[in-house]
N, C-alpha and C. Protein backbone atom coordinates (compact mmCIF):
# COMPACT_ATOMS: atom_id res chain seq x y z
N MET A 1 -177.97 4.79 -92.78
CA MET A 1 -176.57 4.61 -93.09
C MET A 1 -175.98 5.95 -93.49
N SER A 2 -174.82 6.24 -93.01
CA SER A 2 -174.17 7.52 -93.26
C SER A 2 -173.44 7.52 -94.59
N ASP A 3 -173.37 8.71 -95.22
CA ASP A 3 -172.60 8.86 -96.46
C ASP A 3 -171.14 9.19 -96.16
N ALA A 4 -170.79 9.41 -94.90
CA ALA A 4 -169.42 9.76 -94.52
C ALA A 4 -168.53 8.52 -94.58
N PRO A 5 -167.22 8.70 -94.86
CA PRO A 5 -166.32 7.55 -94.89
C PRO A 5 -166.21 6.92 -93.50
N ALA A 6 -165.96 5.64 -93.47
CA ALA A 6 -165.78 4.94 -92.20
C ALA A 6 -164.58 5.51 -91.47
N ALA A 7 -164.64 5.44 -90.13
CA ALA A 7 -163.57 6.01 -89.30
C ALA A 7 -162.22 5.38 -89.60
N ASP A 8 -162.20 4.12 -90.02
CA ASP A 8 -160.93 3.47 -90.28
C ASP A 8 -160.46 3.63 -91.73
N THR A 9 -161.17 4.44 -92.53
CA THR A 9 -160.78 4.68 -93.91
C THR A 9 -159.57 5.61 -93.92
N PRO A 10 -158.49 5.22 -94.63
CA PRO A 10 -157.31 6.10 -94.67
C PRO A 10 -157.64 7.43 -95.34
N ALA A 11 -156.99 8.50 -94.89
CA ALA A 11 -157.22 9.84 -95.44
C ALA A 11 -156.85 9.87 -96.92
N GLU A 12 -155.83 9.13 -97.31
CA GLU A 12 -155.40 9.09 -98.70
C GLU A 12 -155.50 7.66 -99.19
N SER A 13 -156.03 7.48 -100.38
CA SER A 13 -156.19 6.14 -100.93
C SER A 13 -154.84 5.52 -101.25
N PRO A 14 -154.69 4.23 -101.02
CA PRO A 14 -153.44 3.57 -101.40
C PRO A 14 -153.35 3.38 -102.92
N VAL A 15 -154.44 3.56 -103.64
CA VAL A 15 -154.46 3.44 -105.09
C VAL A 15 -154.13 4.81 -105.68
N ARG A 16 -153.18 4.85 -106.60
CA ARG A 16 -152.74 6.12 -107.19
C ARG A 16 -153.49 6.50 -108.45
N GLU A 17 -154.02 5.51 -109.17
CA GLU A 17 -154.71 5.81 -110.42
C GLU A 17 -155.66 4.67 -110.74
N LEU A 18 -156.84 5.01 -111.24
CA LEU A 18 -157.76 4.03 -111.79
C LEU A 18 -157.59 4.10 -113.30
N ARG A 19 -157.27 2.98 -113.92
CA ARG A 19 -157.11 2.95 -115.37
C ARG A 19 -158.12 1.97 -115.94
N LEU A 20 -159.02 2.47 -116.74
CA LEU A 20 -160.00 1.64 -117.43
C LEU A 20 -159.36 1.21 -118.74
N VAL A 21 -159.21 -0.07 -118.95
CA VAL A 21 -158.57 -0.60 -120.15
C VAL A 21 -159.66 -1.14 -121.07
N VAL A 22 -159.73 -0.59 -122.28
CA VAL A 22 -160.75 -0.97 -123.25
C VAL A 22 -160.06 -1.57 -124.47
N THR A 23 -160.44 -2.76 -124.85
CA THR A 23 -159.97 -3.38 -126.07
C THR A 23 -160.96 -3.04 -127.17
N ALA A 24 -160.54 -2.20 -128.10
CA ALA A 24 -161.43 -1.73 -129.17
C ALA A 24 -161.09 -2.44 -130.47
N GLU A 25 -162.08 -3.08 -131.06
CA GLU A 25 -161.86 -3.76 -132.35
C GLU A 25 -161.38 -2.77 -133.40
N ASP A 26 -161.96 -1.56 -133.45
CA ASP A 26 -161.52 -0.52 -134.38
C ASP A 26 -160.72 0.50 -133.56
N TYR A 27 -159.46 0.19 -133.33
CA TYR A 27 -158.58 1.00 -132.49
C TYR A 27 -158.49 2.44 -133.01
N ASP A 28 -158.29 2.59 -134.32
CA ASP A 28 -158.12 3.93 -134.89
C ASP A 28 -159.37 4.79 -134.68
N GLU A 29 -160.55 4.21 -134.88
CA GLU A 29 -161.79 4.95 -134.68
C GLU A 29 -161.98 5.31 -133.21
N ALA A 30 -161.69 4.38 -132.31
CA ALA A 30 -161.82 4.66 -130.88
C ALA A 30 -160.84 5.75 -130.46
N LEU A 31 -159.61 5.69 -130.94
CA LEU A 31 -158.61 6.70 -130.60
C LEU A 31 -159.04 8.08 -131.12
N ARG A 32 -159.51 8.13 -132.35
CA ARG A 32 -159.99 9.40 -132.92
C ARG A 32 -161.14 9.95 -132.08
N PHE A 33 -162.07 9.11 -131.72
CA PHE A 33 -163.25 9.54 -130.97
C PHE A 33 -162.88 10.09 -129.60
N TYR A 34 -162.14 9.32 -128.82
CA TYR A 34 -161.84 9.72 -127.44
C TYR A 34 -160.77 10.79 -127.35
N ARG A 35 -159.73 10.72 -128.18
CA ARG A 35 -158.66 11.72 -128.12
C ARG A 35 -159.03 12.98 -128.90
N ASP A 36 -159.43 12.80 -130.15
CA ASP A 36 -159.60 13.96 -131.03
C ASP A 36 -160.96 14.63 -130.90
N VAL A 37 -162.01 13.87 -130.64
CA VAL A 37 -163.35 14.47 -130.55
C VAL A 37 -163.70 14.81 -129.10
N LEU A 38 -163.64 13.83 -128.20
CA LEU A 38 -163.94 14.12 -126.80
C LEU A 38 -162.86 15.01 -126.19
N GLY A 39 -161.63 14.88 -126.67
CA GLY A 39 -160.56 15.78 -126.24
C GLY A 39 -159.72 15.28 -125.08
N LEU A 40 -159.66 13.96 -124.86
CA LEU A 40 -158.82 13.43 -123.78
C LEU A 40 -157.35 13.52 -124.19
N PRO A 41 -156.53 14.23 -123.42
CA PRO A 41 -155.12 14.39 -123.78
C PRO A 41 -154.37 13.05 -123.75
N GLU A 42 -153.47 12.89 -124.70
CA GLU A 42 -152.65 11.68 -124.78
C GLU A 42 -151.51 11.76 -123.78
N ARG A 43 -151.43 10.77 -122.89
CA ARG A 43 -150.34 10.70 -121.90
C ARG A 43 -149.20 9.83 -122.37
N GLY A 44 -149.47 8.90 -123.26
CA GLY A 44 -148.42 8.01 -123.75
C GLY A 44 -148.98 7.08 -124.80
N ALA A 45 -148.09 6.59 -125.66
CA ALA A 45 -148.48 5.63 -126.69
C ALA A 45 -147.34 4.64 -126.84
N PHE A 46 -147.69 3.37 -126.98
CA PHE A 46 -146.70 2.30 -127.03
C PHE A 46 -147.11 1.28 -128.07
N THR A 47 -146.12 0.55 -128.57
CA THR A 47 -146.40 -0.50 -129.53
C THR A 47 -145.80 -1.81 -129.04
N SER A 48 -146.37 -2.88 -129.54
CA SER A 48 -145.83 -4.22 -129.35
C SER A 48 -145.81 -4.83 -130.74
N PRO A 49 -145.22 -5.99 -130.90
CA PRO A 49 -145.24 -6.60 -132.24
C PRO A 49 -146.69 -6.77 -132.72
N GLY A 50 -147.08 -5.93 -133.69
CA GLY A 50 -148.42 -6.00 -134.26
C GLY A 50 -149.51 -5.32 -133.45
N GLY A 51 -149.18 -4.63 -132.37
CA GLY A 51 -150.21 -4.03 -131.54
C GLY A 51 -149.88 -2.61 -131.09
N ARG A 52 -150.91 -1.90 -130.62
CA ARG A 52 -150.75 -0.53 -130.15
C ARG A 52 -151.60 -0.29 -128.92
N VAL A 53 -151.15 0.65 -128.09
CA VAL A 53 -151.92 1.11 -126.95
C VAL A 53 -151.67 2.60 -126.79
N THR A 54 -152.70 3.34 -126.43
CA THR A 54 -152.58 4.76 -126.13
C THR A 54 -153.23 5.00 -124.79
N ILE A 55 -152.56 5.74 -123.94
CA ILE A 55 -153.10 6.09 -122.62
C ILE A 55 -153.58 7.53 -122.69
N LEU A 56 -154.86 7.72 -122.41
CA LEU A 56 -155.49 9.04 -122.47
C LEU A 56 -155.82 9.50 -121.07
N ASP A 57 -155.60 10.78 -120.81
CA ASP A 57 -155.88 11.35 -119.50
C ASP A 57 -157.36 11.72 -119.43
N ALA A 58 -158.07 11.08 -118.50
CA ALA A 58 -159.50 11.33 -118.35
C ALA A 58 -159.80 12.08 -117.06
N GLY A 59 -158.82 12.77 -116.52
CA GLY A 59 -159.05 13.53 -115.30
C GLY A 59 -159.08 12.65 -114.07
N ARG A 60 -159.70 13.14 -113.02
CA ARG A 60 -159.80 12.41 -111.76
C ARG A 60 -160.71 11.21 -111.95
N ALA A 61 -160.34 10.09 -111.37
CA ALA A 61 -161.14 8.88 -111.51
C ALA A 61 -161.77 8.48 -110.18
N THR A 62 -162.96 7.93 -110.25
CA THR A 62 -163.61 7.33 -109.10
C THR A 62 -164.16 5.99 -109.55
N LEU A 63 -164.41 5.12 -108.61
CA LEU A 63 -165.05 3.85 -108.90
C LEU A 63 -166.43 3.90 -108.27
N GLU A 64 -167.45 3.85 -109.09
CA GLU A 64 -168.83 3.93 -108.61
C GLU A 64 -169.41 2.52 -108.62
N LEU A 65 -169.69 2.00 -107.46
CA LEU A 65 -170.30 0.68 -107.35
C LEU A 65 -171.79 0.84 -107.09
N THR A 66 -172.59 0.05 -107.76
CA THR A 66 -174.03 0.14 -107.59
C THR A 66 -174.63 -1.26 -107.58
N ASP A 67 -175.74 -1.41 -106.92
CA ASP A 67 -176.43 -2.69 -106.98
C ASP A 67 -177.38 -2.66 -108.18
N PRO A 68 -177.90 -3.82 -108.61
CA PRO A 68 -178.75 -3.85 -109.81
C PRO A 68 -179.98 -2.95 -109.72
N GLN A 69 -180.57 -2.80 -108.55
CA GLN A 69 -181.76 -1.97 -108.41
C GLN A 69 -181.43 -0.50 -108.65
N HIS A 70 -180.30 -0.03 -108.10
CA HIS A 70 -179.94 1.37 -108.31
C HIS A 70 -179.49 1.61 -109.75
N ALA A 71 -178.79 0.64 -110.34
CA ALA A 71 -178.41 0.76 -111.75
C ALA A 71 -179.65 0.90 -112.63
N GLU A 72 -180.69 0.14 -112.31
CA GLU A 72 -181.95 0.24 -113.04
C GLU A 72 -182.57 1.62 -112.85
N PHE A 73 -182.51 2.17 -111.62
CA PHE A 73 -183.03 3.51 -111.35
C PHE A 73 -182.28 4.56 -112.16
N ILE A 74 -180.95 4.47 -112.21
CA ILE A 74 -180.16 5.43 -112.98
C ILE A 74 -180.55 5.37 -114.46
N ASP A 75 -180.64 4.16 -115.01
CA ASP A 75 -181.05 4.02 -116.41
C ASP A 75 -182.43 4.61 -116.65
N GLU A 76 -183.34 4.38 -115.73
CA GLU A 76 -184.70 4.90 -115.87
C GLU A 76 -184.68 6.43 -115.90
N VAL A 77 -183.89 7.05 -115.03
CA VAL A 77 -183.79 8.51 -114.97
C VAL A 77 -183.14 9.05 -116.24
N GLU A 78 -182.02 8.45 -116.66
CA GLU A 78 -181.26 9.00 -117.78
C GLU A 78 -181.82 8.62 -119.14
N VAL A 79 -182.39 7.43 -119.27
CA VAL A 79 -182.79 6.93 -120.59
C VAL A 79 -184.27 6.57 -120.67
N GLY A 80 -184.87 6.23 -119.55
CA GLY A 80 -186.27 5.84 -119.56
C GLY A 80 -186.49 4.34 -119.57
N ARG A 81 -185.40 3.57 -119.61
CA ARG A 81 -185.49 2.11 -119.58
C ARG A 81 -184.12 1.54 -119.25
N ARG A 82 -184.06 0.28 -118.91
CA ARG A 82 -182.79 -0.38 -118.58
C ARG A 82 -182.01 -0.63 -119.86
N VAL A 83 -180.80 -0.05 -119.97
CA VAL A 83 -180.00 -0.19 -121.18
C VAL A 83 -178.53 -0.53 -120.92
N ALA A 84 -178.02 -0.19 -119.74
CA ALA A 84 -176.59 -0.37 -119.50
C ALA A 84 -176.26 -1.82 -119.18
N GLY A 85 -175.06 -2.18 -119.52
CA GLY A 85 -174.56 -3.50 -119.16
C GLY A 85 -173.84 -3.43 -117.83
N HIS A 86 -172.88 -4.30 -117.67
CA HIS A 86 -172.12 -4.42 -116.43
C HIS A 86 -171.26 -3.18 -116.16
N VAL A 87 -170.76 -2.55 -117.22
CA VAL A 87 -169.88 -1.39 -117.09
C VAL A 87 -170.43 -0.24 -117.93
N ARG A 88 -170.44 0.94 -117.32
CA ARG A 88 -170.82 2.18 -118.01
C ARG A 88 -169.78 3.21 -117.60
N VAL A 89 -169.32 4.02 -118.53
CA VAL A 89 -168.31 5.03 -118.24
C VAL A 89 -168.99 6.39 -118.18
N ALA A 90 -168.73 7.15 -117.12
CA ALA A 90 -169.32 8.48 -116.96
C ALA A 90 -168.22 9.52 -116.99
N PHE A 91 -168.40 10.54 -117.81
CA PHE A 91 -167.46 11.66 -117.90
C PHE A 91 -168.16 12.93 -117.45
N GLN A 92 -167.57 13.62 -116.48
CA GLN A 92 -168.07 14.94 -116.12
C GLN A 92 -167.50 15.92 -117.13
N VAL A 93 -168.37 16.70 -117.77
CA VAL A 93 -167.96 17.67 -118.78
C VAL A 93 -168.57 19.03 -118.44
N ALA A 94 -168.00 20.07 -119.02
CA ALA A 94 -168.49 21.43 -118.74
C ALA A 94 -169.88 21.66 -119.32
N ASP A 95 -170.18 21.04 -120.46
CA ASP A 95 -171.47 21.27 -121.12
C ASP A 95 -171.93 19.96 -121.76
N SER A 96 -172.77 19.23 -121.06
CA SER A 96 -173.18 17.92 -121.57
C SER A 96 -174.00 18.02 -122.85
N THR A 97 -174.73 19.10 -123.04
CA THR A 97 -175.53 19.27 -124.25
C THR A 97 -174.62 19.42 -125.47
N ALA A 98 -173.66 20.33 -125.39
CA ALA A 98 -172.74 20.56 -126.52
C ALA A 98 -171.85 19.34 -126.76
N THR A 99 -171.39 18.70 -125.70
CA THR A 99 -170.52 17.53 -125.86
C THR A 99 -171.29 16.37 -126.46
N THR A 100 -172.54 16.19 -126.06
CA THR A 100 -173.37 15.14 -126.64
C THR A 100 -173.51 15.35 -128.14
N ALA A 101 -173.79 16.57 -128.56
CA ALA A 101 -173.94 16.87 -129.98
C ALA A 101 -172.64 16.60 -130.74
N ARG A 102 -171.52 17.02 -130.16
CA ARG A 102 -170.21 16.82 -130.80
C ARG A 102 -169.90 15.33 -130.96
N LEU A 103 -170.19 14.53 -129.92
CA LEU A 103 -169.90 13.10 -129.99
C LEU A 103 -170.86 12.39 -130.96
N GLU A 104 -172.10 12.86 -131.03
CA GLU A 104 -173.04 12.28 -131.99
C GLU A 104 -172.55 12.53 -133.41
N GLU A 105 -172.10 13.75 -133.69
CA GLU A 105 -171.57 14.08 -135.02
C GLU A 105 -170.37 13.20 -135.37
N ALA A 106 -169.64 12.74 -134.34
CA ALA A 106 -168.44 11.91 -134.55
C ALA A 106 -168.77 10.43 -134.60
N GLY A 107 -170.06 10.07 -134.51
CA GLY A 107 -170.42 8.67 -134.69
C GLY A 107 -171.03 7.97 -133.49
N ALA A 108 -171.10 8.62 -132.34
CA ALA A 108 -171.74 7.98 -131.19
C ALA A 108 -173.25 7.97 -131.40
N GLU A 109 -173.91 6.95 -130.88
CA GLU A 109 -175.36 6.88 -130.94
C GLU A 109 -175.92 7.45 -129.65
N VAL A 110 -176.75 8.47 -129.76
CA VAL A 110 -177.37 9.07 -128.59
C VAL A 110 -178.55 8.20 -128.16
N LEU A 111 -178.47 7.66 -126.96
CA LEU A 111 -179.56 6.87 -126.40
C LEU A 111 -180.56 7.76 -125.69
N ALA A 112 -180.06 8.85 -125.10
CA ALA A 112 -180.93 9.80 -124.42
C ALA A 112 -180.26 11.17 -124.41
N GLU A 113 -181.01 12.17 -124.81
CA GLU A 113 -180.53 13.55 -124.78
C GLU A 113 -180.33 13.98 -123.32
N PRO A 114 -179.58 15.06 -123.11
CA PRO A 114 -179.36 15.52 -121.74
C PRO A 114 -180.68 15.74 -120.98
N THR A 115 -180.71 15.19 -119.78
CA THR A 115 -181.88 15.23 -118.91
C THR A 115 -181.46 15.65 -117.52
N ARG A 116 -182.21 16.55 -116.90
CA ARG A 116 -181.93 16.94 -115.52
C ARG A 116 -182.30 15.78 -114.60
N THR A 117 -181.37 15.41 -113.72
CA THR A 117 -181.57 14.26 -112.84
C THR A 117 -182.00 14.71 -111.45
N PRO A 118 -182.52 13.78 -110.64
CA PRO A 118 -182.87 14.12 -109.26
C PRO A 118 -181.65 14.53 -108.43
N TRP A 119 -180.44 14.17 -108.87
CA TRP A 119 -179.23 14.54 -108.13
C TRP A 119 -178.61 15.82 -108.69
N ASN A 120 -179.41 16.59 -109.47
CA ASN A 120 -179.08 17.92 -109.94
C ASN A 120 -177.87 17.96 -110.88
N SER A 121 -177.90 17.09 -111.86
CA SER A 121 -176.93 17.17 -112.94
C SER A 121 -177.68 16.99 -114.25
N LEU A 122 -177.03 17.39 -115.33
CA LEU A 122 -177.61 17.26 -116.66
C LEU A 122 -176.87 16.11 -117.35
N ASN A 123 -177.57 14.97 -117.51
CA ASN A 123 -176.94 13.74 -117.99
C ASN A 123 -177.49 13.31 -119.34
N SER A 124 -176.59 12.84 -120.20
CA SER A 124 -177.00 12.21 -121.45
C SER A 124 -176.38 10.82 -121.49
N ARG A 125 -176.87 9.99 -122.40
CA ARG A 125 -176.35 8.62 -122.52
C ARG A 125 -176.07 8.34 -123.99
N LEU A 126 -174.92 7.72 -124.26
CA LEU A 126 -174.51 7.41 -125.62
C LEU A 126 -173.90 6.02 -125.71
N GLU A 127 -173.98 5.42 -126.90
CA GLU A 127 -173.21 4.22 -127.25
C GLU A 127 -172.03 4.76 -128.04
N ALA A 128 -170.81 4.39 -127.64
CA ALA A 128 -169.62 4.98 -128.23
C ALA A 128 -168.66 3.90 -128.72
N PRO A 129 -167.65 4.29 -129.51
CA PRO A 129 -166.66 3.32 -129.97
C PRO A 129 -166.01 2.57 -128.82
N GLY A 130 -165.56 1.37 -129.11
CA GLY A 130 -164.97 0.54 -128.09
C GLY A 130 -166.03 -0.21 -127.31
N ALA A 131 -167.27 -0.21 -127.83
CA ALA A 131 -168.39 -0.89 -127.20
C ALA A 131 -168.62 -0.39 -125.77
N LEU A 132 -168.50 0.95 -125.59
CA LEU A 132 -168.73 1.55 -124.29
C LEU A 132 -170.01 2.35 -124.28
N GLN A 133 -170.76 2.21 -123.21
CA GLN A 133 -171.90 3.07 -122.99
C GLN A 133 -171.42 4.22 -122.11
N LEU A 134 -171.67 5.44 -122.54
CA LEU A 134 -171.20 6.63 -121.84
C LEU A 134 -172.34 7.42 -121.24
N THR A 135 -172.11 7.94 -120.04
CA THR A 135 -172.93 9.00 -119.49
C THR A 135 -172.07 10.25 -119.51
N LEU A 136 -172.59 11.33 -120.06
CA LEU A 136 -171.95 12.64 -119.96
C LEU A 136 -172.76 13.41 -118.94
N PHE A 137 -172.08 14.00 -117.95
CA PHE A 137 -172.84 14.74 -116.95
C PHE A 137 -172.19 16.07 -116.64
N THR A 138 -173.06 17.05 -116.42
CA THR A 138 -172.66 18.39 -116.01
C THR A 138 -173.36 18.68 -114.70
N GLU A 139 -172.59 19.00 -113.68
CA GLU A 139 -173.17 19.34 -112.38
C GLU A 139 -173.85 20.70 -112.49
N LEU A 140 -175.07 20.79 -111.97
CA LEU A 140 -175.83 22.03 -112.02
C LEU A 140 -175.87 22.67 -110.65
N ASP A 141 -175.93 23.98 -110.62
CA ASP A 141 -176.15 24.63 -109.33
C ASP A 141 -177.62 25.02 -109.23
N ASP A 142 -178.03 25.50 -108.09
CA ASP A 142 -179.43 25.81 -107.85
C ASP A 142 -179.95 26.91 -108.76
N ALA A 143 -179.06 27.76 -109.29
CA ALA A 143 -179.48 28.87 -110.12
C ALA A 143 -179.69 28.45 -111.58
N THR A 144 -179.29 27.23 -111.93
CA THR A 144 -179.40 26.77 -113.32
C THR A 144 -180.87 26.54 -113.66
N GLU A 145 -181.25 26.97 -114.84
CA GLU A 145 -182.63 26.75 -115.29
C GLU A 145 -182.86 25.27 -115.51
N ARG A 146 -184.08 24.85 -115.37
CA ARG A 146 -184.43 23.45 -115.60
C ARG A 146 -184.29 23.15 -117.09
N ALA A 147 -183.70 21.99 -117.37
CA ALA A 147 -183.49 21.60 -118.78
C ALA A 147 -184.69 20.84 -119.30
């Protein structure tokens, strides 16, 4: 099977933005963590009677679909065992080691320290506010030393 897009795939996606909506029991802690610690810029904030929402810019979005066997393989590579649920959020960052340490200091639980993967990235796994499991990944080039 080819990794190239199908011939009938439009050159430009009809979808303009992927927005992951997370309902966080501790809204203030989740906002502090993702906006102030991880550094996602605030695009907008709105209120409703008794409620709040903040939209954070997380850069370019993709939707990664995987079957259960490949999800298990990813968990095995990144963590050493099956740990992710139905949804896991992955952020590409400039330095997954430094970002992992910063997020741990801010309250995230590190499930696995940064590990070099077979697909040549340095990935870590964390449990973060909003009941999200995060992968932080940094793409490596061939000249990068093994981690």
